[in-house]
Amino acid sequence: MVKKEKIDLFRQLKSRDYLASGTPALVKTGEGRYLTVEGKGAPGGEDFNRKIGALYGVAYTIKMTRKYAGEQDYVVGKLEAQWWSDSKSEDFGNLPPEKWRWKLMIRTPGFVEQKELESAVSVLLEKKKDQAVKEIKLETIAEGQCVQMLHVGPYEEERKSVERMKAFAEEQGLKFSGLHHEIYISDPRRVPPKQLKTILRIPVSRL
């Protein structure tokens, strides 16, 4: 029996969706399938940490169930997040972190089905895991044309990169028209703040 090669979506889609440098650039991103969970409040807060744990718990349960069943295996994707505020007229970055809204995301192969999510949630609840697993969803997200850039440094200094992205968009006759999206390349538990790598992505449309 020929063993199927493990799928790594980040590597597979890097040239299209995850290619970024220290200079803002226009990219045309493809439609993606994600495990997601929403919340509100400061990153690193109790709700945020609970839901990261729930999201990864579901992601790895689905992956390992498939692996042990002899089905297509894959690498669990990097953590991603979209950020916004309740006020459409105000940039979330100008508000206190307690008022930020977020959607935590892990990109997942398109063959993962809703029934697999439901089964994983049931398994985790039987093991007395956090009830937050019941909030995990399986979504298809399409952002289309975006400005994308690699930010290197502390998360608190991302504003400088976002301003560069905004100026670049305006030079192209474009404006921000979607949610602020971050892809976390580095693990902040292991990498010093000055060396953290984060891909910043914001959908754009014509002025």
N, C-alpha and C. Protein backbone atom coordinates (compact mmCIF):
# COMPACT_ATOMS: atom_id res chain seq x y z
N MET A 1 0.85 -1.20 0.00
CA MET A 1 0.00 0.00 0.00
C MET A 1 0.88 1.25 0.00
N VAL A 2 0.62 2.16 -0.92
CA VAL A 2 1.41 3.38 -1.03
C VAL A 2 0.92 4.39 0.01
N LYS A 3 1.85 4.87 0.81
CA LYS A 3 1.50 5.85 1.84
C LYS A 3 1.34 7.22 1.21
N LYS A 4 0.22 7.88 1.52
CA LYS A 4 -0.03 9.21 0.98
C LYS A 4 0.86 10.24 1.67
N GLU A 5 1.36 11.18 0.89
CA GLU A 5 2.19 12.24 1.45
C GLU A 5 1.34 13.18 2.30
N LYS A 6 1.88 13.55 3.45
CA LYS A 6 1.16 14.45 4.35
C LYS A 6 1.02 15.83 3.70
N ILE A 7 -0.18 16.39 3.76
CA ILE A 7 -0.44 17.71 3.18
C ILE A 7 -0.02 18.81 4.15
N ASP A 8 0.69 19.80 3.63
CA ASP A 8 1.06 20.99 4.40
C ASP A 8 0.55 22.20 3.62
N LEU A 9 -0.62 22.71 4.01
CA LEU A 9 -1.24 23.80 3.25
C LEU A 9 -0.40 25.06 3.23
N PHE A 10 0.31 25.34 4.33
CA PHE A 10 1.12 26.57 4.36
C PHE A 10 2.19 26.53 3.27
N ARG A 11 2.85 25.39 3.14
CA ARG A 11 3.87 25.26 2.10
C ARG A 11 3.24 25.19 0.71
N GLN A 12 2.16 24.46 0.61
CA GLN A 12 1.49 24.26 -0.67
C GLN A 12 0.96 25.57 -1.25
N LEU A 13 0.47 26.44 -0.37
CA LEU A 13 -0.16 27.69 -0.83
C LEU A 13 0.71 28.92 -0.61
N LYS A 14 1.96 28.71 -0.22
CA LYS A 14 2.82 29.85 0.14
C LYS A 14 2.96 30.85 -0.99
N SER A 15 3.17 30.38 -2.21
CA SER A 15 3.41 31.31 -3.32
C SER A 15 2.17 32.13 -3.67
N ARG A 16 0.98 31.65 -3.28
CA ARG A 16 -0.24 32.38 -3.59
C ARG A 16 -0.76 33.19 -2.40
N ASP A 17 -0.86 32.54 -1.24
CA ASP A 17 -1.54 33.16 -0.10
C ASP A 17 -0.61 33.62 1.02
N TYR A 18 0.58 33.04 1.13
CA TYR A 18 1.41 33.31 2.30
C TYR A 18 2.79 33.87 1.95
N LEU A 19 2.91 34.45 0.76
CA LEU A 19 4.17 35.06 0.37
C LEU A 19 4.16 36.52 0.82
N ALA A 20 5.13 36.92 1.63
CA ALA A 20 5.15 38.30 2.14
C ALA A 20 6.57 38.71 2.46
N SER A 21 6.85 40.00 2.27
CA SER A 21 8.17 40.55 2.60
C SER A 21 7.96 41.81 3.43
N GLY A 22 9.05 42.50 3.74
CA GLY A 22 8.96 43.72 4.52
C GLY A 22 8.45 44.91 3.73
N THR A 23 8.05 44.68 2.48
CA THR A 23 7.49 45.73 1.63
C THR A 23 6.05 45.38 1.29
N PRO A 24 5.09 46.30 1.44
CA PRO A 24 3.69 46.00 1.11
C PRO A 24 3.55 45.59 -0.35
N ALA A 25 2.64 44.65 -0.62
CA ALA A 25 2.41 44.19 -1.99
C ALA A 25 0.95 43.79 -2.15
N LEU A 26 0.48 43.84 -3.39
CA LEU A 26 -0.87 43.38 -3.70
C LEU A 26 -0.84 41.88 -3.95
N VAL A 27 -1.80 41.16 -3.36
CA VAL A 27 -1.91 39.72 -3.58
C VAL A 27 -3.37 39.37 -3.85
N LYS A 28 -3.57 38.31 -4.60
CA LYS A 28 -4.92 37.81 -4.86
C LYS A 28 -5.04 36.48 -4.14
N THR A 29 -5.68 36.50 -2.98
CA THR A 29 -5.77 35.30 -2.16
C THR A 29 -6.91 34.40 -2.62
N GLY A 30 -6.75 33.12 -2.37
CA GLY A 30 -7.78 32.16 -2.74
C GLY A 30 -8.75 31.88 -1.61
N GLU A 31 -9.82 31.21 -1.94
CA GLU A 31 -10.81 30.81 -0.95
C GLU A 31 -10.20 29.78 -0.02
N GLY A 32 -10.48 29.89 1.27
CA GLY A 32 -9.90 28.97 2.24
C GLY A 32 -10.93 28.41 3.20
N ARG A 33 -10.67 27.19 3.66
CA ARG A 33 -11.53 26.51 4.64
C ARG A 33 -10.84 26.64 5.99
N TYR A 34 -11.58 27.08 7.00
CA TYR A 34 -10.99 27.33 8.31
C TYR A 34 -11.84 26.78 9.45
N LEU A 35 -11.17 26.31 10.49
CA LEU A 35 -11.80 26.12 11.79
C LEU A 35 -11.71 27.47 12.47
N THR A 36 -12.82 27.97 13.03
CA THR A 36 -12.81 29.32 13.60
C THR A 36 -13.55 29.36 14.94
N VAL A 37 -13.23 30.40 15.71
CA VAL A 37 -13.98 30.69 16.93
C VAL A 37 -13.85 32.18 17.20
N GLU A 38 -14.95 32.81 17.60
CA GLU A 38 -14.96 34.25 17.82
C GLU A 38 -14.97 34.61 19.30
N GLY A 39 -14.56 35.86 19.57
CA GLY A 39 -14.58 36.35 20.94
C GLY A 39 -14.33 37.84 20.98
N LYS A 40 -14.25 38.36 22.18
CA LYS A 40 -14.03 39.79 22.38
C LYS A 40 -13.12 40.00 23.57
N GLY A 41 -12.22 40.99 23.45
CA GLY A 41 -11.34 41.30 24.57
C GLY A 41 -9.87 41.29 24.17
N ALA A 42 -9.04 41.56 25.13
CA ALA A 42 -7.61 41.70 24.88
C ALA A 42 -6.97 40.35 24.51
N PRO A 43 -6.04 40.36 23.55
CA PRO A 43 -5.29 39.13 23.26
C PRO A 43 -4.49 38.72 24.50
N GLY A 44 -4.51 37.43 24.79
CA GLY A 44 -3.83 36.96 25.99
C GLY A 44 -4.72 36.94 27.21
N GLY A 45 -5.96 37.45 27.07
CA GLY A 45 -6.91 37.42 28.17
C GLY A 45 -7.48 36.02 28.37
N GLU A 46 -8.28 35.85 29.41
CA GLU A 46 -8.81 34.52 29.76
C GLU A 46 -9.63 33.91 28.62
N ASP A 47 -10.55 34.69 28.04
CA ASP A 47 -11.39 34.17 26.97
C ASP A 47 -10.56 33.82 25.73
N PHE A 48 -9.61 34.68 25.42
CA PHE A 48 -8.73 34.47 24.27
C PHE A 48 -7.95 33.16 24.41
N ASN A 49 -7.35 32.96 25.57
CA ASN A 49 -6.54 31.76 25.80
C ASN A 49 -7.39 30.50 25.83
N ARG A 50 -8.59 30.59 26.43
CA ARG A 50 -9.50 29.43 26.45
C ARG A 50 -9.84 28.99 25.04
N LYS A 51 -10.11 29.98 24.19
CA LYS A 51 -10.58 29.64 22.85
C LYS A 51 -9.44 29.20 21.93
N ILE A 52 -8.23 29.68 22.17
CA ILE A 52 -7.09 29.13 21.44
C ILE A 52 -6.95 27.65 21.78
N GLY A 53 -7.06 27.34 23.07
CA GLY A 53 -6.95 25.94 23.49
C GLY A 53 -8.04 25.08 22.88
N ALA A 54 -9.27 25.61 22.84
CA ALA A 54 -10.39 24.86 22.26
C ALA A 54 -10.18 24.65 20.76
N LEU A 55 -9.71 25.69 20.07
CA LEU A 55 -9.50 25.61 18.63
C LEU A 55 -8.45 24.56 18.29
N TYR A 56 -7.32 24.59 18.99
CA TYR A 56 -6.28 23.60 18.73
C TYR A 56 -6.72 22.20 19.14
N GLY A 57 -7.50 22.11 20.21
CA GLY A 57 -7.99 20.80 20.64
C GLY A 57 -8.83 20.14 19.56
N VAL A 58 -9.72 20.92 18.95
CA VAL A 58 -10.57 20.39 17.88
C VAL A 58 -9.72 20.07 16.64
N ALA A 59 -8.81 20.98 16.29
CA ALA A 59 -7.98 20.78 15.09
C ALA A 59 -7.17 19.49 15.18
N TYR A 60 -6.55 19.26 16.32
CA TYR A 60 -5.72 18.06 16.46
C TYR A 60 -6.55 16.79 16.61
N THR A 61 -7.74 16.90 17.19
CA THR A 61 -8.61 15.73 17.30
C THR A 61 -9.06 15.27 15.93
N ILE A 62 -9.44 16.21 15.07
CA ILE A 62 -9.83 15.86 13.70
C ILE A 62 -8.66 15.23 12.95
N LYS A 63 -7.50 15.87 13.05
CA LYS A 63 -6.30 15.37 12.35
C LYS A 63 -5.95 13.94 12.78
N MET A 64 -5.88 13.70 14.10
CA MET A 64 -5.45 12.40 14.60
C MET A 64 -6.50 11.32 14.33
N THR A 65 -7.77 11.69 14.36
CA THR A 65 -8.83 10.72 14.03
C THR A 65 -8.67 10.25 12.60
N ARG A 66 -8.41 11.19 11.69
CA ARG A 66 -8.21 10.84 10.28
C ARG A 66 -6.95 9.98 10.12
N LYS A 67 -5.89 10.35 10.81
CA LYS A 67 -4.62 9.63 10.68
C LYS A 67 -4.77 8.17 11.12
N TYR A 68 -5.40 7.96 12.28
CA TYR A 68 -5.54 6.60 12.79
C TYR A 68 -6.54 5.77 12.00
N ALA A 69 -7.40 6.46 11.24
CA ALA A 69 -8.36 5.75 10.38
C ALA A 69 -7.75 5.44 9.01
N GLY A 70 -6.48 5.84 8.82
CA GLY A 70 -5.81 5.58 7.56
C GLY A 70 -6.22 6.52 6.45
N GLU A 71 -6.82 7.65 6.81
CA GLU A 71 -7.24 8.63 5.82
C GLU A 71 -6.14 9.68 5.62
N GLN A 72 -6.35 10.58 4.68
CA GLN A 72 -5.34 11.59 4.34
C GLN A 72 -4.90 12.39 5.56
N ASP A 73 -3.60 12.37 5.83
CA ASP A 73 -3.04 13.11 6.96
C ASP A 73 -2.60 14.50 6.48
N TYR A 74 -2.49 15.42 7.43
CA TYR A 74 -2.08 16.78 7.08
C TYR A 74 -1.46 17.47 8.29
N VAL A 75 -0.74 18.54 8.03
CA VAL A 75 -0.13 19.35 9.08
C VAL A 75 -1.17 20.35 9.58
N VAL A 76 -1.37 20.43 10.89
CA VAL A 76 -2.28 21.44 11.43
C VAL A 76 -1.69 22.82 11.15
N GLY A 77 -2.51 23.70 10.59
CA GLY A 77 -2.03 24.99 10.13
C GLY A 77 -1.62 25.95 11.24
N LYS A 78 -1.02 27.04 10.82
CA LYS A 78 -0.60 28.08 11.75
C LYS A 78 -1.82 28.85 12.25
N LEU A 79 -1.69 29.42 13.42
CA LEU A 79 -2.77 30.24 13.96
C LEU A 79 -2.90 31.52 13.14
N GLU A 80 -4.14 31.89 12.82
CA GLU A 80 -4.43 33.14 12.14
C GLU A 80 -5.54 33.84 12.92
N ALA A 81 -5.75 35.12 12.66
CA ALA A 81 -6.83 35.83 13.34
C ALA A 81 -7.26 37.04 12.53
N GLN A 82 -8.56 37.31 12.58
CA GLN A 82 -9.11 38.55 12.05
C GLN A 82 -9.51 39.42 13.23
N TRP A 83 -9.35 40.74 13.06
CA TRP A 83 -9.59 41.69 14.15
C TRP A 83 -10.49 42.82 13.67
N TRP A 84 -11.40 43.27 14.54
CA TRP A 84 -12.27 44.40 14.21
C TRP A 84 -12.88 44.96 15.50
N SER A 85 -13.76 45.95 15.34
CA SER A 85 -14.47 46.51 16.50
C SER A 85 -15.96 46.56 16.19
N ASP A 86 -16.76 46.80 17.22
CA ASP A 86 -18.21 46.89 17.02
C ASP A 86 -18.58 48.12 16.20
N SER A 87 -17.72 49.15 16.26
CA SER A 87 -17.98 50.38 15.54
C SER A 87 -17.33 50.32 14.16
N LYS A 88 -18.15 50.28 13.11
CA LYS A 88 -17.61 50.18 11.76
C LYS A 88 -16.84 51.44 11.35
N SER A 89 -17.13 52.55 12.02
CA SER A 89 -16.49 53.81 11.64
C SER A 89 -15.16 54.03 12.37
N GLU A 90 -14.81 53.13 13.29
CA GLU A 90 -13.60 53.35 14.08
C GLU A 90 -12.64 52.17 13.94
N ASP A 91 -11.37 52.49 13.74
CA ASP A 91 -10.32 51.48 13.63
C ASP A 91 -10.15 50.80 14.98
N PHE A 92 -10.21 49.46 14.99
CA PHE A 92 -10.11 48.74 16.27
C PHE A 92 -8.80 49.06 16.99
N GLY A 93 -7.74 49.36 16.22
CA GLY A 93 -6.45 49.64 16.82
C GLY A 93 -6.42 50.91 17.66
N ASN A 94 -7.42 51.78 17.47
CA ASN A 94 -7.49 53.01 18.24
C ASN A 94 -8.29 52.84 19.53
N LEU A 95 -8.84 51.65 19.73
CA LEU A 95 -9.66 51.38 20.91
C LEU A 95 -8.87 50.59 21.95
N PRO A 96 -9.31 50.61 23.21
CA PRO A 96 -8.67 49.77 24.23
C PRO A 96 -8.82 48.30 23.84
N PRO A 97 -7.81 47.47 24.09
CA PRO A 97 -7.87 46.05 23.71
C PRO A 97 -9.10 45.33 24.24
N GLU A 98 -9.65 45.79 25.36
CA GLU A 98 -10.83 45.14 25.94
C GLU A 98 -12.04 45.23 25.00
N LYS A 99 -12.00 46.17 24.04
CA LYS A 99 -13.12 46.35 23.12
C LYS A 99 -12.87 45.69 21.75
N TRP A 100 -11.72 45.06 21.59
CA TRP A 100 -11.42 44.41 20.32
C TRP A 100 -12.26 43.16 20.14
N ARG A 101 -12.67 42.91 18.91
CA ARG A 101 -13.33 41.65 18.56
C ARG A 101 -12.38 40.86 17.68
N TRP A 102 -12.46 39.54 17.76
CA TRP A 102 -11.53 38.72 17.00
C TRP A 102 -12.14 37.38 16.59
N LYS A 103 -11.57 36.85 15.54
CA LYS A 103 -11.91 35.50 15.09
C LYS A 103 -10.60 34.74 14.94
N LEU A 104 -10.39 33.73 15.79
CA LEU A 104 -9.21 32.88 15.71
C LEU A 104 -9.46 31.82 14.65
N MET A 105 -8.43 31.50 13.86
CA MET A 105 -8.62 30.65 12.69
C MET A 105 -7.45 29.69 12.51
N ILE A 106 -7.75 28.48 12.05
CA ILE A 106 -6.73 27.54 11.61
C ILE A 106 -7.17 27.00 10.25
N ARG A 107 -6.34 27.23 9.23
CA ARG A 107 -6.69 26.76 7.89
C ARG A 107 -6.68 25.24 7.84
N THR A 108 -7.67 24.69 7.16
CA THR A 108 -7.91 23.25 7.17
C THR A 108 -8.14 22.76 5.75
N PRO A 109 -7.68 21.57 5.39
CA PRO A 109 -7.93 21.05 4.04
C PRO A 109 -9.42 21.02 3.71
N GLY A 110 -9.74 21.22 2.45
CA GLY A 110 -11.12 21.27 2.02
C GLY A 110 -11.89 19.98 2.20
N PHE A 111 -11.17 18.85 2.37
CA PHE A 111 -11.87 17.57 2.52
C PHE A 111 -12.40 17.34 3.94
N VAL A 112 -12.01 18.19 4.89
CA VAL A 112 -12.53 18.05 6.26
C VAL A 112 -14.00 18.47 6.26
N GLU A 113 -14.87 17.62 6.80
CA GLU A 113 -16.31 17.84 6.73
C GLU A 113 -16.90 18.24 8.08
N GLN A 114 -18.10 18.80 8.02
CA GLN A 114 -18.81 19.24 9.22
C GLN A 114 -18.99 18.09 10.22
N LYS A 115 -19.27 16.90 9.72
CA LYS A 115 -19.49 15.76 10.61
C LYS A 115 -18.22 15.42 11.40
N GLU A 116 -17.05 15.70 10.82
CA GLU A 116 -15.80 15.45 11.53
C GLU A 116 -15.62 16.46 12.66
N LEU A 117 -16.03 17.70 12.41
CA LEU A 117 -16.00 18.71 13.46
C LEU A 117 -16.93 18.31 14.60
N GLU A 118 -18.14 17.91 14.27
CA GLU A 118 -19.11 17.53 15.30
C GLU A 118 -18.63 16.34 16.11
N SER A 119 -18.00 15.38 15.44
CA SER A 119 -17.47 14.21 16.14
C SER A 119 -16.34 14.60 17.08
N ALA A 120 -15.46 15.49 16.63
CA ALA A 120 -14.33 15.94 17.46
C ALA A 120 -14.83 16.67 18.70
N VAL A 121 -15.84 17.51 18.52
CA VAL A 121 -16.40 18.25 19.66
C VAL A 121 -16.99 17.27 20.67
N SER A 122 -17.71 16.25 20.19
CA SER A 122 -18.30 15.25 21.09
C SER A 122 -17.23 14.51 21.88
N VAL A 123 -16.15 14.13 21.20
CA VAL A 123 -15.05 13.42 21.86
C VAL A 123 -14.44 14.28 22.96
N LEU A 124 -14.22 15.55 22.67
CA LEU A 124 -13.60 16.45 23.65
C LEU A 124 -14.52 16.72 24.83
N LEU A 125 -15.81 16.84 24.58
CA LEU A 125 -16.75 17.06 25.67
C LEU A 125 -16.84 15.83 26.57
N GLU A 126 -16.75 14.64 25.97
CA GLU A 126 -16.75 13.40 26.76
C GLU A 126 -15.53 13.33 27.67
N LYS A 127 -14.44 13.97 27.22
CA LYS A 127 -13.21 14.00 28.01
C LYS A 127 -13.19 15.18 28.99
N LYS A 128 -14.35 15.85 29.12
CA LYS A 128 -14.51 16.97 30.05
C LYS A 128 -13.64 18.17 29.69
N LYS A 129 -13.39 18.37 28.40
CA LYS A 129 -12.64 19.53 27.96
C LYS A 129 -13.52 20.77 28.02
N ASP A 130 -12.89 21.93 27.85
CA ASP A 130 -13.59 23.21 27.97
C ASP A 130 -14.81 23.28 27.05
N GLN A 131 -15.90 23.82 27.57
CA GLN A 131 -17.14 23.95 26.80
C GLN A 131 -16.97 24.85 25.58
N ALA A 132 -15.89 25.60 25.52
CA ALA A 132 -15.65 26.48 24.38
C ALA A 132 -15.53 25.70 23.07
N VAL A 133 -15.26 24.40 23.15
CA VAL A 133 -15.16 23.60 21.91
C VAL A 133 -16.48 23.62 21.14
N LYS A 134 -17.59 23.85 21.85
CA LYS A 134 -18.90 23.88 21.18
C LYS A 134 -19.07 25.11 20.29
N GLU A 135 -18.17 26.10 20.45
CA GLU A 135 -18.26 27.33 19.65
C GLU A 135 -17.44 27.27 18.37
N ILE A 136 -16.68 26.20 18.18
CA ILE A 136 -15.84 26.09 16.98
C ILE A 136 -16.72 25.87 15.76
N LYS A 137 -16.41 26.59 14.68
CA LYS A 137 -17.15 26.46 13.43
C LYS A 137 -16.20 26.07 12.30
N LEU A 138 -16.78 25.57 11.22
CA LEU A 138 -16.03 25.28 10.00
C LEU A 138 -16.55 26.24 8.95
N GLU A 139 -15.68 27.15 8.50
CA GLU A 139 -16.11 28.21 7.58
C GLU A 139 -15.25 28.26 6.32
N THR A 140 -15.86 28.75 5.25
CA THR A 140 -15.13 29.06 4.03
C THR A 140 -15.00 30.58 3.95
N ILE A 141 -13.77 31.06 3.81
CA ILE A 141 -13.51 32.50 3.80
C ILE A 141 -12.78 32.88 2.52
N ALA A 142 -13.27 33.91 1.86
CA ALA A 142 -12.63 34.42 0.63
C ALA A 142 -12.39 35.91 0.80
N GLU A 143 -11.15 36.35 0.72
CA GLU A 143 -10.82 37.76 0.91
C GLU A 143 -10.49 38.48 -0.39
N GLY A 144 -10.15 37.73 -1.43
CA GLY A 144 -9.88 38.35 -2.72
C GLY A 144 -8.59 39.16 -2.74
N GLN A 145 -8.65 40.34 -3.36
CA GLN A 145 -7.45 41.17 -3.47
C GLN A 145 -7.13 41.84 -2.13
N CYS A 146 -5.87 41.74 -1.73
CA CYS A 146 -5.44 42.28 -0.44
C CYS A 146 -4.08 42.95 -0.56
N VAL A 147 -3.79 43.81 0.40
CA VAL A 147 -2.42 44.28 0.60
C VAL A 147 -1.83 43.40 1.69
N GLN A 148 -0.63 42.90 1.45
CA GLN A 148 -0.01 41.97 2.39
C GLN A 148 1.43 42.38 2.66
N MET A 149 1.87 42.13 3.90
CA MET A 149 3.22 42.54 4.30
C MET A 149 3.68 41.69 5.47
N LEU A 150 4.98 41.45 5.54
CA LEU A 150 5.56 40.74 6.68
C LEU A 150 6.01 41.76 7.72
N HIS A 151 5.44 41.66 8.91
CA HIS A 151 5.85 42.52 10.03
C HIS A 151 6.81 41.73 10.91
N VAL A 152 7.98 42.29 11.17
CA VAL A 152 8.95 41.66 12.07
C VAL A 152 9.10 42.54 13.30
N GLY A 153 8.78 41.99 14.45
CA GLY A 153 8.86 42.76 15.68
C GLY A 153 7.66 42.52 16.57
N PRO A 154 7.57 43.26 17.67
CA PRO A 154 6.47 43.09 18.63
C PRO A 154 5.11 43.38 17.98
N TYR A 155 4.09 42.70 18.46
CA TYR A 155 2.74 42.94 17.96
C TYR A 155 2.33 44.40 18.20
N GLU A 156 2.82 44.97 19.31
CA GLU A 156 2.45 46.34 19.66
C GLU A 156 2.95 47.37 18.64
N GLU A 157 3.90 46.97 17.79
CA GLU A 157 4.45 47.91 16.80
C GLU A 157 3.89 47.68 15.40
N GLU A 158 2.85 46.87 15.29
CA GLU A 158 2.27 46.58 13.98
C GLU A 158 1.68 47.83 13.32
N ARG A 159 1.27 48.80 14.12
CA ARG A 159 0.63 49.99 13.57
C ARG A 159 1.50 50.66 12.51
N LYS A 160 2.82 50.66 12.71
CA LYS A 160 3.72 51.27 11.73
C LYS A 160 3.63 50.55 10.39
N SER A 161 3.56 49.23 10.43
CA SER A 161 3.45 48.45 9.20
C SER A 161 2.10 48.67 8.53
N VAL A 162 1.05 48.76 9.34
CA VAL A 162 -0.29 48.99 8.79
C VAL A 162 -0.35 50.34 8.08
N GLU A 163 0.29 51.35 8.65
CA GLU A 163 0.31 52.67 8.01
C GLU A 163 1.03 52.62 6.67
N ARG A 164 2.10 51.84 6.59
CA ARG A 164 2.80 51.67 5.31
C ARG A 164 1.90 50.96 4.30
N MET A 165 1.15 49.98 4.77
CA MET A 165 0.23 49.25 3.89
C MET A 165 -0.88 50.17 3.37
N LYS A 166 -1.37 51.03 4.25
CA LYS A 166 -2.43 51.96 3.86
C LYS A 166 -1.93 52.95 2.81
N ALA A 167 -0.73 53.48 3.03
CA ALA A 167 -0.14 54.43 2.08
C ALA A 167 0.07 53.76 0.72
N PHE A 168 0.54 52.52 0.75
CA PHE A 168 0.76 51.77 -0.49
C PHE A 168 -0.56 51.56 -1.23
N ALA A 169 -1.61 51.19 -0.49
CA ALA A 169 -2.92 50.97 -1.10
C ALA A 169 -3.42 52.24 -1.78
N GLU A 170 -3.29 53.36 -1.10
CA GLU A 170 -3.76 54.62 -1.66
C GLU A 170 -2.99 55.01 -2.92
N GLU A 171 -1.70 54.68 -2.95
CA GLU A 171 -0.90 54.94 -4.15
C GLU A 171 -1.41 54.14 -5.35
N GLN A 172 -2.03 52.99 -5.06
CA GLN A 172 -2.57 52.13 -6.12
C GLN A 172 -4.03 52.47 -6.43
N GLY A 173 -4.56 53.53 -5.80
CA GLY A 173 -5.96 53.88 -5.99
C GLY A 173 -6.90 52.94 -5.27
N LEU A 174 -6.45 52.40 -4.13
CA LEU A 174 -7.23 51.43 -3.37
C LEU A 174 -7.45 51.90 -1.94
N LYS A 175 -8.41 51.28 -1.27
CA LYS A 175 -8.68 51.57 0.13
C LYS A 175 -8.92 50.26 0.88
N PHE A 176 -8.66 50.27 2.18
CA PHE A 176 -8.96 49.10 3.00
C PHE A 176 -10.47 48.87 2.99
N SER A 177 -10.88 47.61 2.81
CA SER A 177 -12.31 47.33 2.73
C SER A 177 -12.70 46.01 3.39
N GLY A 178 -11.84 45.50 4.24
CA GLY A 178 -12.14 44.23 4.91
C GLY A 178 -11.47 44.17 6.26
N LEU A 179 -11.56 43.03 6.90
CA LEU A 179 -11.03 42.86 8.24
C LEU A 179 -9.51 42.71 8.25
N HIS A 180 -8.90 43.29 9.27
CA HIS A 180 -7.47 43.14 9.52
C HIS A 180 -7.19 41.67 9.83
N HIS A 181 -6.27 41.07 9.09
CA HIS A 181 -6.00 39.63 9.19
C HIS A 181 -4.52 39.43 9.50
N GLU A 182 -4.24 38.60 10.49
CA GLU A 182 -2.85 38.30 10.86
C GLU A 182 -2.60 36.80 10.78
N ILE A 183 -1.43 36.43 10.26
CA ILE A 183 -0.99 35.03 10.21
C ILE A 183 0.29 34.95 11.04
N TYR A 184 0.26 34.14 12.09
CA TYR A 184 1.37 34.11 13.05
C TYR A 184 2.40 33.06 12.65
N ILE A 185 3.50 33.54 12.09
CA ILE A 185 4.57 32.64 11.63
C ILE A 185 5.41 32.16 12.81
N SER A 186 5.60 33.03 13.79
CA SER A 186 6.43 32.71 14.96
C SER A 186 5.57 32.34 16.16
N ASP A 187 6.14 31.54 17.04
CA ASP A 187 5.49 31.18 18.30
C ASP A 187 6.01 32.13 19.38
N PRO A 188 5.16 33.02 19.91
CA PRO A 188 5.63 34.01 20.91
C PRO A 188 6.13 33.39 22.21
N ARG A 189 5.85 32.10 22.41
CA ARG A 189 6.37 31.42 23.61
C ARG A 189 7.84 31.06 23.45
N ARG A 190 8.31 31.05 22.19
CA ARG A 190 9.69 30.61 21.93
C ARG A 190 10.55 31.67 21.26
N VAL A 191 9.92 32.69 20.69
CA VAL A 191 10.66 33.70 19.91
C VAL A 191 10.59 35.05 20.62
N PRO A 192 11.73 35.74 20.77
CA PRO A 192 11.74 37.07 21.40
C PRO A 192 10.87 38.05 20.62
N PRO A 193 10.23 39.01 21.29
CA PRO A 193 9.34 39.96 20.61
C PRO A 193 9.95 40.64 19.39
N LYS A 194 11.23 41.02 19.47
CA LYS A 194 11.86 41.72 18.34
C LYS A 194 12.00 40.85 17.10
N GLN A 195 11.91 39.53 17.28
CA GLN A 195 12.10 38.61 16.15
C GLN A 195 10.80 37.97 15.67
N LEU A 196 9.68 38.33 16.26
CA LEU A 196 8.40 37.74 15.86
C LEU A 196 8.07 38.09 14.41
N LYS A 197 7.63 37.09 13.66
CA LYS A 197 7.23 37.31 12.27
C LYS A 197 5.72 37.09 12.13
N THR A 198 5.06 38.11 11.60
CA THR A 198 3.60 38.07 11.44
C THR A 198 3.24 38.59 10.05
N ILE A 199 2.50 37.82 9.29
CA ILE A 199 2.01 38.32 8.00
C ILE A 199 0.75 39.13 8.27
N LEU A 200 0.73 40.36 7.78
CA LEU A 200 -0.44 41.23 7.90
C LEU A 200 -1.14 41.26 6.55
N ARG A 201 -2.46 41.10 6.56
CA ARG A 201 -3.24 41.08 5.32
C ARG A 201 -4.52 41.88 5.52
N ILE A 202 -4.80 42.79 4.58
CA ILE A 202 -6.04 43.57 4.65
C ILE A 202 -6.66 43.64 3.25
N PRO A 203 -7.91 43.18 3.09
CA PRO A 203 -8.58 43.27 1.80
C PRO A 203 -8.74 44.73 1.35
N VAL A 204 -8.69 44.94 0.04
CA VAL A 204 -8.80 46.30 -0.51
C VAL A 204 -9.79 46.33 -1.67
N SER A 205 -10.27 47.54 -1.96
CA SER A 205 -11.14 47.76 -3.12
C SER A 205 -10.82 49.14 -3.69
N ARG A 206 -11.38 49.44 -4.85
CA ARG A 206 -11.10 50.72 -5.50
C ARG A 206 -11.68 51.88 -4.71
N LEU A 207 -10.94 53.00 -4.70
CA LEU A 207 -11.40 54.21 -4.03
C LEU A 207 -12.66 54.74 -4.71
